[in-house]
PDB file of N, CA and C in Angstrom:
ATOM      1  N   ARG A   1       0.779  -1.186   0.017  1.00  0.00           N
ATOM      2  CA  ARG A   1      -0.109   0.017   0.242  1.00  0.00           C
ATOM      3  C   ARG A   1       0.858   1.267   0.179  1.00  0.00           C
ATOM      4  N   VAL A   2       0.538   2.258  -0.933  1.00  0.00           N
ATOM      5  CA  VAL A   2       1.313   3.399  -0.851  1.00  0.00           C
ATOM      6  C   VAL A   2       0.657   4.374   0.061  1.00  0.00           C
ATOM      7  N   HIS A   3       1.610   5.097   0.636  1.00  0.00           N
ATOM      8  CA  HIS A   3       1.177   6.129   1.717  1.00  0.00           C
ATOM      9  C   HIS A   3       0.283   5.481   2.824  1.00  0.00           C
ATOM     10  N   GLY A   4       0.556   4.129   3.035  1.00  0.00           N
ATOM     11  CA  GLY A   4      -0.586   3.423   3.872  1.00  0.00           C
ATOM     12  C   GLY A   4      -1.950   3.470   3.714  1.00  0.00           C
ATOM     13  N   ASN A   5      -2.185   3.801   2.143  1.00  0.00           N
ATOM     14  CA  ASN A   5      -3.842   4.126   1.887  1.00  0.00           C
ATOM     15  C   ASN A   5      -4.036   3.323   0.571  1.00  0.00           C
ATOM     16  N   SER A   6      -5.027   2.287   0.877  1.00  0.00           N
ATOM     17  CA  SER A   6      -5.602   1.412  -0.091  1.00  0.00           C
ATOM     18  C   SER A   6      -6.159   2.225  -1.598  1.00  0.00           C
ATOM     19  N   THR A   7      -7.031   3.156  -0.958  1.00  0.00           N
ATOM     20  CA  THR A   7      -7.250   4.207  -2.126  1.00  0.00           C
ATOM     21  C   THR A   7      -6.213   4.765  -3.135  1.00  0.00           C
ATOM     22  N   CYS A   8      -5.362   5.303  -2.392  1.00  0.00           N
ATOM     23  CA  CYS A   8      -4.053   5.878  -3.280  1.00  0.00           C
ATOM     24  C   CYS A   8      -3.507   4.751  -4.185  1.00  0.00           C
ATOM     25  N   SER A   9      -3.262   3.528  -3.550  1.00  0.00           N
ATOM     26  CA  SER A   9      -2.583   2.394  -4.125  1.00  0.00           C
ATOM     27  C   SER A   9      -3.476   1.997  -5.424  1.00  0.00           C
ATOM     28  N   ASP A  10      -4.765   2.008  -5.147  1.00  0.00           N
ATOM     29  CA  ASP A  10      -5.528   1.878  -6.207  1.00  0.00           C
ATOM     30  C   ASP A  10      -5.662   2.908  -7.616  1.00  0.00           C
ATOM     31  N   LYS A  11      -5.717   4.077  -6.970  1.00  0.00           N
ATOM     32  CA  LYS A  11      -5.480   5.274  -8.034  1.00  0.00           C
ATOM     33  C   LYS A  11      -3.984   5.029  -8.854  1.00  0.00           C
ATOM     34  N   LEU A  12      -3.061   5.014  -8.144  1.00  0.00           N
ATOM     35  CA  LEU A  12      -1.692   4.659  -8.750  1.00  0.00           C
ATOM     36  C   LEU A  12      -1.579   3.508  -9.571  1.00  0.00           C
ATOM     37  N   GLY A  13      -2.161   2.279  -9.290  1.00  0.00           N
ATOM     38  CA  GLY A  13      -2.416   1.188  -9.935  1.00  0.00           C
ATOM     39  C   GLY A  13      -3.180   1.394 -11.320  1.00  0.00           C
ATOM     40  N   LEU A  14      -4.193   2.124 -11.318  1.00  0.00           N
ATOM     41  CA  LEU A  14      -4.954   2.684 -12.555  1.00  0.00           C
ATOM     42  C   LEU A  14      -4.145   3.327 -13.419  1.00  0.00           C
ATOM     43  N   LEU A  15      -3.627   4.303 -12.752  1.00  0.00           N
ATOM     44  CA  LEU A  15      -2.448   4.881 -13.734  1.00  0.00           C
ATOM     45  C   LEU A  15      -1.466   4.401 -14.311  1.00  0.00           C
ATOM     46  N   SER A  16      -0.959   3.559 -13.618  1.00  0.00           N
ATOM     47  CA  SER A  16       0.317   2.476 -14.262  1.00  0.00           C
ATOM     48  C   SER A  16      -0.311   1.774 -15.287  1.00  0.00           C
ATOM     49  N   CYS A  17      -1.395   1.345 -15.080  1.00  0.00           N
ATOM     50  CA  CYS A  17      -1.871   0.302 -15.973  1.00  0.00           C
ATOM     51  C   CYS A  17      -2.534   1.073 -17.049  1.00  0.00           C
ATOM     52  N   SER A  18      -2.584   2.433 -17.016  1.00  0.00           N
ATOM     53  CA  SER A  18      -3.015   3.294 -18.379  1.00  0.00           C
ATOM     54  C   SER A  18      -2.465   3.108 -19.466  1.00  0.00           C
ATOM     55  N   VAL A  19      -1.395   2.732 -19.438  1.00  0.00           N
ATOM     56  CA  VAL A  19      -0.525   2.743 -20.765  1.00  0.00           C
ATOM     57  C   VAL A  19      -0.767   1.538 -21.535  1.00  0.00           C
ATOM     58  N   CYS A  20      -1.513   0.395 -20.862  1.00  0.00           N
ATOM     59  CA  CYS A  20      -1.705  -0.683 -21.467  1.00  0.00           C
ATOM     60  C   CYS A  20      -3.103  -0.554 -22.090  1.00  0.00           C
ATOM     61  N   HIS A  21      -3.911   0.385 -22.002  1.00  0.00           N
ATOM     62  CA  HIS A  21      -5.336   0.195 -22.627  1.00  0.00           C
ATOM     63  C   HIS A  21      -5.321   0.521 -24.203  1.00  0.00           C
ATOM     64  N   THR A  22      -5.695   0.240 -24.947  1.00  0.00           N
ATOM     65  CA  THR A  22      -5.984   0.111 -26.251  1.00  0.00           C
ATOM     66  C   THR A  22      -6.098   1.575 -26.904  1.00  0.00           C
ATOM     67  N   THR A  23      -6.659   2.736 -25.943  1.00  0.00           N
ATOM     68  CA  THR A  23      -6.631   4.041 -26.545  1.00  0.00           C
ATOM     69  C   THR A  23      -5.339   4.753 -25.970  1.00  0.00           C
ATOM     70  N   SER A  24      -4.543   4.071 -25.329  1.00  0.00           N
ATOM     71  CA  SER A  24      -3.434   4.858 -24.566  1.00  0.00           C
ATOM     72  C   SER A  24      -2.437   6.111 -25.525  1.00  0.00           C
ATOM     73  N   GLY A  25      -2.401   5.536 -26.805  1.00  0.00           N
ATOM     74  CA  GLY A  25      -1.748   6.162 -27.729  1.00  0.00           C
ATOM     75  C   GLY A  25      -2.406   7.595 -27.916  1.00  0.00           C
ATOM     76  N   ASP A  26      -3.681   7.824 -27.298  1.00  0.00           N
ATOM     77  CA  ASP A  26      -4.434   8.970 -27.427  1.00  0.00           C
ATOM     78  C   ASP A  26      -3.717   9.935 -26.025  1.00  0.00           C
ATOM     79  N   TYR A  27      -3.319   9.390 -25.178  1.00  0.00           N
ATOM     80  CA  TYR A  27      -2.889  10.426 -23.994  1.00  0.00           C
ATOM     81  C   TYR A  27      -1.499  10.005 -23.562  1.00  0.00           C
ATOM     82  N   ALA A  28      -0.809   9.086 -24.276  1.00  0.00           N
ATOM     83  CA  ALA A  28       0.365   8.839 -23.334  1.00  0.00           C
ATOM     84  C   ALA A  28       1.284   8.318 -24.347  1.00  0.00           C
ATOM     85  N   THR A  29       2.650   8.855 -24.386  1.00  0.00           N
ATOM     86  CA  THR A  29       3.632   8.568 -25.097  1.00  0.00           C
ATOM     87  C   THR A  29       4.723   7.985 -24.517  1.00  0.00           C
ATOM     88  N   SER A  30       4.434   7.595 -23.081  1.00  0.00           N
ATOM     89  CA  SER A  30       5.319   6.637 -22.213  1.00  0.00           C
ATOM     90  C   SER A  30       4.943   6.742 -20.935  1.00  0.00           C
ATOM     91  N   ILE A  31       5.159   5.999 -19.856  1.00  0.00           N
ATOM     92  CA  ILE A  31       4.628   5.877 -18.528  1.00  0.00           C
ATOM     93  C   ILE A  31       5.135   7.214 -17.915  1.00  0.00           C
ATOM     94  N   LYS A  32       6.045   7.850 -18.457  1.00  0.00           N
ATOM     95  CA  LYS A  32       6.565   9.191 -17.786  1.00  0.00           C
ATOM     96  C   LYS A  32       5.933  10.215 -18.506  1.00  0.00           C
ATOM     97  N   ASN A  33       5.106   9.899 -19.535  1.00  0.00           N
ATOM     98  CA  ASN A  33       4.538  11.139 -20.252  1.00  0.00           C
ATOM     99  C   ASN A  33       2.990  10.952 -20.514  1.00  0.00           C
ATOM    100  N   ILE A  34       2.301  10.993 -19.509  1.00  0.00           N
ATOM    101  CA  ILE A  34       0.699  10.605 -19.512  1.00  0.00           C
ATOM    102  C   ILE A  34      -0.080  11.875 -19.124  1.00  0.00           C
ATOM    103  N   THR A  35      -0.850  12.350 -19.864  1.00  0.00           N
ATOM    104  CA  THR A  35      -1.647  13.363 -19.827  1.00  0.00           C
ATOM    105  C   THR A  35      -3.151  12.927 -19.159  1.00  0.00           C
ATOM    106  N   ILE A  36      -3.201  13.367 -18.090  1.00  0.00           N
ATOM    107  CA  ILE A  36      -4.352  13.039 -17.192  1.00  0.00           C
ATOM    108  C   ILE A  36      -5.336  14.137 -16.699  1.00  0.00           C
ATOM    109  N   CYS A  37      -6.397  13.686 -16.956  1.00  0.00           N
ATOM    110  CA  CYS A  37      -7.770  14.802 -16.518  1.00  0.00           C
ATOM    111  C   CYS A  37      -7.731  15.131 -15.394  1.00  0.00           C
ATOM    112  N   SER A  38      -7.888  16.657 -15.257  1.00  0.00           N
ATOM    113  CA  SER A  38      -7.939  17.246 -13.913  1.00  0.00           C
ATOM    114  C   SER A  38      -8.719  16.655 -12.793  1.00  0.00           C
ATOM    115  N   SER A  39      -9.987  16.145 -13.173  1.00  0.00           N
ATOM    116  CA  SER A  39     -10.611  15.455 -12.349  1.00  0.00           C
ATOM    117  C   SER A  39      -9.987  14.164 -11.550  1.00  0.00           C
ATOM    118  N   PHE A  40      -8.951  13.298 -12.582  1.00  0.00           N
ATOM    119  CA  PHE A  40      -8.470  12.222 -12.140  1.00  0.00           C
ATOM    120  C   PHE A  40      -7.306  12.799 -11.197  1.00  0.00           C
ATOM    121  N   CYS A  41      -6.547  14.017 -11.717  1.00  0.00           N
ATOM    122  CA  CYS A  41      -5.477  14.560 -10.602  1.00  0.00           C
ATOM    123  C   CYS A  41      -6.241  14.705  -9.365  1.00  0.00           C
ATOM    124  N   ASP A  42      -7.459  15.443  -9.110  1.00  0.00           N
ATOM    125  CA  ASP A  42      -7.880  15.833  -7.920  1.00  0.00           C
ATOM    126  C   ASP A  42      -7.923  14.519  -7.043  1.00  0.00           C
ATOM    127  N   GLN A  43      -8.448  13.359  -7.570  1.00  0.00           N
ATOM    128  CA  GLN A  43      -8.818  12.273  -7.107  1.00  0.00           C
ATOM    129  C   GLN A  43      -7.373  11.450  -6.501  1.00  0.00           C
ATOM    130  N   LEU A  44      -6.468  11.578  -7.404  1.00  0.00           N
ATOM    131  CA  LEU A  44      -5.000  11.332  -6.835  1.00  0.00           C
ATOM    132  C   LEU A  44      -4.391  11.851  -5.545  1.00  0.00           C
ATOM    133  N   TYR A  45      -4.904  13.465  -5.864  1.00  0.00           N
ATOM    134  CA  TYR A  45      -4.285  14.305  -4.544  1.00  0.00           C
ATOM    135  C   TYR A  45      -5.041  13.686  -3.476  1.00  0.00           C
ATOM    136  N   GLU A  46      -6.413  13.806  -3.341  1.00  0.00           N
ATOM    137  CA  GLU A  46      -7.201  13.404  -2.395  1.00  0.00           C
ATOM    138  C   GLU A  46      -6.754  12.144  -1.820  1.00  0.00           C
ATOM    139  N   ALA A  47      -6.480  11.144  -2.525  1.00  0.00           N
ATOM    140  CA  ALA A  47      -5.967   9.652  -1.992  1.00  0.00           C
ATOM    141  C   ALA A  47      -4.580   9.928  -1.533  1.00  0.00           C
ATOM    142  N   CYS A  48      -3.944  10.659  -2.377  1.00  0.00           N
ATOM    143  CA  CYS A  48      -2.350  10.418  -1.818  1.00  0.00           C
ATOM    144  C   CYS A  48      -1.758  11.588  -1.052  1.00  0.00           C
ATOM    145  N   ALA A  49      -2.314  12.651  -1.256  1.00  0.00           N
ATOM    146  CA  ALA A  49      -1.460  13.730  -0.730  1.00  0.00           C
ATOM    147  C   ALA A  49      -2.083  14.588   0.037  1.00  0.00           C
ATOM    148  N   PRO A  50      -3.015  14.078   0.771  1.00  0.00           N
ATOM    149  CA  PRO A  50      -3.791  15.180   1.615  1.00  0.00           C
ATOM    150  C   PRO A  50      -2.980  16.090   2.555  1.00  0.00           C
ATOM    151  N   LEU A  51      -1.808  15.590   3.014  1.00  0.00           N
ATOM    152  CA  LEU A  51      -1.129  16.277   3.953  1.00  0.00           C
ATOM    153  C   LEU A  51      -0.282  17.385   3.329  1.00  0.00           C
ATOM    154  N   TYR A  52      -0.031  17.249   1.894  1.00  0.00           N
ATOM    155  CA  TYR A  52       1.175  18.227   1.320  1.00  0.00           C
ATOM    156  C   TYR A  52       0.463  19.595   1.554  1.00  0.00           C
ATOM    157  N   SER A  53       1.305  20.673   1.472  1.00  0.00           N
ATOM    158  CA  SER A  53       0.587  21.976   1.164  1.00  0.00           C
ATOM    159  C   SER A  53       0.700  22.454  -0.264  1.00  0.00           C
ATOM    160  N   TYR A  54       0.948  21.575  -1.197  1.00  0.00           N
ATOM    161  CA  TYR A  54       0.865  22.380  -2.467  1.00  0.00           C
ATOM    162  C   TYR A  54      -0.455  21.786  -2.991  1.00  0.00           C
ATOM    163  N   SER A  55      -0.877  22.700  -4.361  1.00  0.00           N
ATOM    164  CA  SER A  55      -2.354  21.977  -4.755  1.00  0.00           C
ATOM    165  C   SER A  55      -2.201  20.855  -5.629  1.00  0.00           C
ATOM    166  N   ALA A  56      -3.427  20.394  -6.016  1.00  0.00           N
ATOM    167  CA  ALA A  56      -3.801  19.124  -6.441  1.00  0.00           C
ATOM    168  C   ALA A  56      -2.627  19.213  -7.897  1.00  0.00           C
ATOM    169  N   LYS A  57      -2.864  19.997  -8.626  1.00  0.00           N
ATOM    170  CA  LYS A  57      -2.161  20.443  -9.864  1.00  0.00           C
ATOM    171  C   LYS A  57      -0.668  20.388  -9.736  1.00  0.00           C
ATOM    172  N   GLU A  58      -0.151  20.807  -8.658  1.00  0.00           N
ATOM    173  CA  GLU A  58       1.161  21.120  -8.394  1.00  0.00           C
ATOM    174  C   GLU A  58       1.751  19.414  -8.025  1.00  0.00           C
ATOM    175  N   TYR A  59       0.901  18.658  -7.344  1.00  0.00           N
ATOM    176  CA  TYR A  59       1.184  17.203  -7.120  1.00  0.00           C
ATOM    177  C   TYR A  59       1.161  16.585  -7.880  1.00  0.00           C
ATOM    178  N   CYS A  60       0.214  16.780  -9.141  1.00  0.00           N
ATOM    179  CA  CYS A  60       0.202  15.935 -10.364  1.00  0.00           C
ATOM    180  C   CYS A  60       1.365  16.041 -11.117  1.00  0.00           C
ATOM    181  N   THR A  61       1.617  17.334 -11.328  1.00  0.00           N
ATOM    182  CA  THR A  61       2.553  18.075 -12.308  1.00  0.00           C
ATOM    183  C   THR A  61       3.941  17.636 -11.744  1.00  0.00           C
ATOM    184  N   GLU A  62       4.295  18.166 -10.784  1.00  0.00           N
ATOM    185  CA  GLU A  62       5.878  18.017 -10.259  1.00  0.00           C
ATOM    186  C   GLU A  62       6.115  17.027  -9.456  1.00  0.00           C
ATOM    187  N   ARG A  63       5.411  16.270  -8.580  1.00  0.00           N
ATOM    188  CA  ARG A  63       5.494  15.225  -7.740  1.00  0.00           C
ATOM    189  C   ARG A  63       5.630  14.008  -8.727  1.00  0.00           C
ATOM    190  N   LEU A  64       4.498  13.774  -9.514  1.00  0.00           N
ATOM    191  CA  LEU A  64       4.311  12.690 -10.289  1.00  0.00           C
ATOM    192  C   LEU A  64       4.537  12.835 -11.852  1.00  0.00           C
ATOM    193  N   SER A  65       5.000  14.123 -12.284  1.00  0.00           N
ATOM    194  CA  SER A  65       5.758  14.173 -13.770  1.00  0.00           C
ATOM    195  C   SER A  65       4.466  13.986 -14.392  1.00  0.00           C
ATOM    196  N   MET A  66       3.382  14.235 -14.537  1.00  0.00           N
ATOM    197  CA  MET A  66       2.160  14.121 -15.253  1.00  0.00           C
ATOM    198  C   MET A  66       1.600  15.384 -15.980  1.00  0.00           C
ATOM    199  N   ILE A  67       1.121  15.348 -17.134  1.00  0.00           N
ATOM    200  CA  ILE A  67       0.636  16.614 -17.863  1.00  0.00           C
ATOM    201  C   ILE A  67      -0.936  16.397 -17.305  1.00  0.00           C
ATOM    202  N   VAL A  68      -1.249  17.705 -17.002  1.00  0.00           N
ATOM    203  CA  VAL A  68      -2.635  17.879 -16.577  1.00  0.00           C
ATOM    204  C   VAL A  68      -3.495  18.748 -17.381  1.00  0.00           C
ATOM    205  N   VAL A  69      -4.567  18.268 -17.848  1.00  0.00           N
ATOM    206  CA  VAL A  69      -5.500  19.210 -18.715  1.00  0.00           C
ATOM    207  C   VAL A  69      -6.921  18.971 -17.986  1.00  0.00           C
ATOM    208  N   PRO A  70      -7.753  20.247 -18.294  1.00  0.00           N
ATOM    209  CA  PRO A  70      -9.154  20.238 -17.751  1.00  0.00           C
ATOM    210  C   PRO A  70      -9.785  19.144 -18.560  1.00  0.00           C
ATOM    211  N   ASP A  71     -11.041  18.623 -17.907  1.00  0.00           N
ATOM    212  CA  ASP A  71     -11.685  17.611 -18.484  1.00  0.00           C
ATOM    213  C   ASP A  71     -12.371  17.984 -19.811  1.00  0.00           C
ATOM    214  N   ASN A  72     -12.567  19.026 -19.719  1.00  0.00           N
ATOM    215  CA  ASN A  72     -13.552  19.617 -21.229  1.00  0.00           C
ATOM    216  C   ASN A  72     -12.520  20.216 -22.030  1.00  0.00           C
ATOM    217  N   ALA A  73     -11.495  19.969 -22.008  1.00  0.00           N
ATOM    218  CA  ALA A  73     -10.513  20.892 -22.886  1.00  0.00           C
ATOM    219  C   ALA A  73     -10.411  20.117 -24.408  1.00  0.00           C
ATOM    220  N   GLY A  74     -10.931  19.113 -24.533  1.00  0.00           N
ATOM    221  CA  GLY A  74     -11.169  18.654 -25.855  1.00  0.00           C
ATOM    222  C   GLY A  74      -9.706  17.753 -26.355  1.00  0.00           C
ATOM    223  N   ILE A  75      -8.989  17.538 -25.366  1.00  0.00           N
ATOM    224  CA  ILE A  75      -7.657  16.978 -25.340  1.00  0.00           C
ATOM    225  C   ILE A  75      -7.603  15.486 -24.796  1.00  0.00           C
ATOM    226  N   PRO A  76      -7.471  14.612 -25.570  1.00  0.00           N
ATOM    227  CA  PRO A  76      -7.271  13.192 -24.893  1.00  0.00           C
ATOM    228  C   PRO A  76      -6.715  13.156 -23.325  1.00  0.00           C
ATOM    229  N   CYS A  77      -7.395  12.561 -22.434  1.00  0.00           N
ATOM    230  CA  CYS A  77      -6.478  12.535 -21.066  1.00  0.00           C
ATOM    231  C   CYS A  77      -6.921  11.370 -20.328  1.00  0.00           C
ATOM    232  N   PHE A  78      -6.540  10.555 -19.404  1.00  0.00           N
ATOM    233  CA  PHE A  78      -6.762   9.534 -18.849  1.00  0.00           C
ATOM    234  C   PHE A  78      -7.531   9.764 -17.525  1.00  0.00           C
ATOM    235  N   SER A  79      -8.803   9.518 -17.286  1.00  0.00           N
ATOM    236  CA  SER A  79      -9.323   9.626 -16.284  1.00  0.00           C
ATOM    237  C   SER A  79      -9.916   8.382 -15.253  1.00  0.00           C
ATOM    238  N   ALA A  80      -9.485   7.206 -15.465  1.00  0.00           N
ATOM    239  CA  ALA A  80     -10.079   6.175 -14.993  1.00  0.00           C
ATOM    240  C   ALA A  80     -11.417   5.946 -14.946  1.00  0.00           C
ATOM    241  N   ALA A  81     -12.449   7.154 -15.825  1.00  0.00           N
ATOM    242  CA  ALA A  81     -13.911   6.764 -15.643  1.00  0.00           C
ATOM    243  C   ALA A  81     -14.075   5.461 -16.229  1.00  0.00           C
ATOM    244  N   PRO A  82     -15.287   4.884 -16.037  1.00  0.00           N
ATOM    245  CA  PRO A  82     -15.725   3.859 -16.611  1.00  0.00           C
ATOM    246  C   PRO A  82     -16.469   4.449 -18.097  1.00  0.00           C
ATOM    247  N   SER A  83     -16.100   3.406 -19.019  1.00  0.00           N
ATOM    248  CA  SER A  83     -16.664   3.921 -20.394  1.00  0.00           C
ATOM    249  C   SER A  83     -17.626   2.958 -20.501  1.00  0.00           C
ATOM    250  N   ILE A  84     -18.390   3.439 -21.758  1.00  0.00           N
ATOM    251  CA  ILE A  84     -19.540   2.663 -22.403  1.00  0.00           C
ATOM    252  C   ILE A  84     -18.805   1.390 -22.793  1.00  0.00           C
ATOM    253  N   GLU A  85     -17.883   1.256 -23.434  1.00  0.00           N
ATOM    254  CA  GLU A  85     -17.451   0.296 -24.022  1.00  0.00           C
ATOM    255  C   GLU A  85     -17.068  -0.933 -23.382  1.00  0.00           C
ATOM    256  N   LEU A  86     -16.303  -0.371 -22.230  1.00  0.00           N
ATOM    257  CA  LEU A  86     -15.871  -1.120 -21.062  1.00  0.00           C
ATOM    258  C   LEU A  86     -17.336  -1.867 -20.238  1.00  0.00           C
ATOM    259  N   SER A  87     -18.358  -1.154 -20.162  1.00  0.00           N
ATOM    260  CA  SER A  87     -19.597  -1.684 -19.699  1.00  0.00           C
ATOM    261  C   SER A  87     -20.240  -2.746 -20.419  1.00  0.00           C
ATOM    262  N   VAL A  88     -20.132  -2.175 -21.756  1.00  0.00           N
ATOM    263  CA  VAL A  88     -20.802  -3.269 -22.759  1.00  0.00           C
ATOM    264  C   VAL A  88     -20.041  -4.457 -22.847  1.00  0.00           C
ATOM    265  N   PHE A  89     -18.332  -4.489 -22.686  1.00  0.00           N
ATOM    266  CA  PHE A  89     -17.516  -5.548 -22.920  1.00  0.00           C
ATOM    267  C   PHE A  89     -17.930  -6.698 -21.538  1.00  0.00           C
ATOM    268  N   ALA A  90     -18.178  -5.861 -20.357  1.00  0.00           N
ATOM    269  CA  ALA A  90     -18.237  -6.690 -19.103  1.00  0.00           C
ATOM    270  C   ALA A  90     -19.882  -7.035 -19.057  1.00  0.00           C
ATOM    271  N   PHE A  91     -20.704  -6.543 -19.523  1.00  0.00           N
ATOM    272  CA  PHE A  91     -21.971  -6.972 -19.621  1.00  0.00           C
ATOM    273  C   PHE A  91     -22.053  -8.335 -20.790  1.00  0.00           C
ATOM    274  N   ALA A  92     -21.324  -8.066 -21.741  1.00  0.00           N
ATOM    275  CA  ALA A  92     -21.306  -9.227 -22.645  1.00  0.00           C
ATOM    276  C   ALA A  92     -20.464 -10.612 -22.091  1.00  0.00           C
ATOM    277  N   LEU A  93     -19.654 -10.297 -21.429  1.00  0.00           N
ATOM    278  CA  LEU A  93     -18.743 -11.365 -20.974  1.00  0.00           C
ATOM    279  C   LEU A  93     -19.758 -12.001 -19.807  1.00  0.00           C
ATOM    280  N   LEU A  94     -20.684 -11.389 -18.813  1.00  0.00           N
ATOM    281  CA  LEU A  94     -21.210 -11.655 -18.130  1.00  0.00           C
ATOM    282  C   LEU A  94     -22.323 -12.682 -18.903  1.00  0.00           C
ATOM    283  N   LEU A  95     -23.096 -12.045 -19.873  1.00  0.00           N
ATOM    284  CA  LEU A  95     -24.112 -12.908 -20.591  1.00  0.00           C
ATOM    285  C   LEU A  95     -23.476 -14.268 -21.104  1.00  0.00           C
ATOM    286  N   LEU A  96     -22.270 -14.182 -21.882  1.00  0.00           N
ATOM    287  CA  LEU A  96     -21.428 -15.401 -22.220  1.00  0.00           C
ATOM    288  C   LEU A  96     -21.357 -16.396 -21.072  1.00  0.00           C
ATOM    289  N   PHE A  97     -20.990 -16.000 -19.795  1.00  0.00           N
ATOM    290  CA  PHE A  97     -20.597 -16.783 -18.444  1.00  0.00           C
ATOM    291  C   PHE A  97     -21.832 -17.377 -18.414  1.00  0.00           C
ATOM    292  N   ALA A  98     -23.043 -16.676 -18.185  1.00  0.00           N
ATOM    293  CA  ALA A  98     -24.358 -17.232 -17.820  1.00  0.00           C
ATOM    294  C   ALA A  98     -24.908 -18.091 -18.629  1.00  0.00           C
ATOM    295  N   PHE A  99     -24.725 -18.000 -19.685  1.00  0.00           N
ATOM    296  CA  PHE A  99     -25.533 -18.923 -20.827  1.00  0.00           C
ATOM    297  C   PHE A  99     -24.370 -20.356 -21.302  1.00  0.00           C
ATOM    298  N   SER A 100     -23.181 -19.949 -20.600  1.00  0.00           N
ATOM    299  CA  SER A 100     -22.263 -21.044 -20.857  1.00  0.00           C
ATOM    300  C   SER A 100     -22.710 -22.483 -19.786  1.00  0.00           C
ATOM    301  N   PHE A 101     -23.072 -22.522 -19.082  1.00  0.00           N
ATOM    302  CA  PHE A 101     -23.793 -23.440 -17.947  1.00  0.00           C
ATOM    303  C   PHE A 101     -24.889 -24.092 -18.290  1.00  0.00           C
TER     304      PHE A 101
END
């Protein structure tokens, strides 16, 4: 657990796995050059750095070396938000599993 906080570990885990996603080319050129949405930066800050004296954006850009953009900027960014594609995929798997027995 990072910082003694499982929520922080979960968020950092999502971030580290983000480069493996099929659309990662839209927001990442490497594990060290990931563009994240400001809402995800806020979540990271709340989970991992609540005792630090700098802002959420400073935490994400200076401590984690991420690029932070506003969610509605029209620039692809990682947010760890559930997508419709993922929901449809999970539902299809559920149906497949349910009817396989």
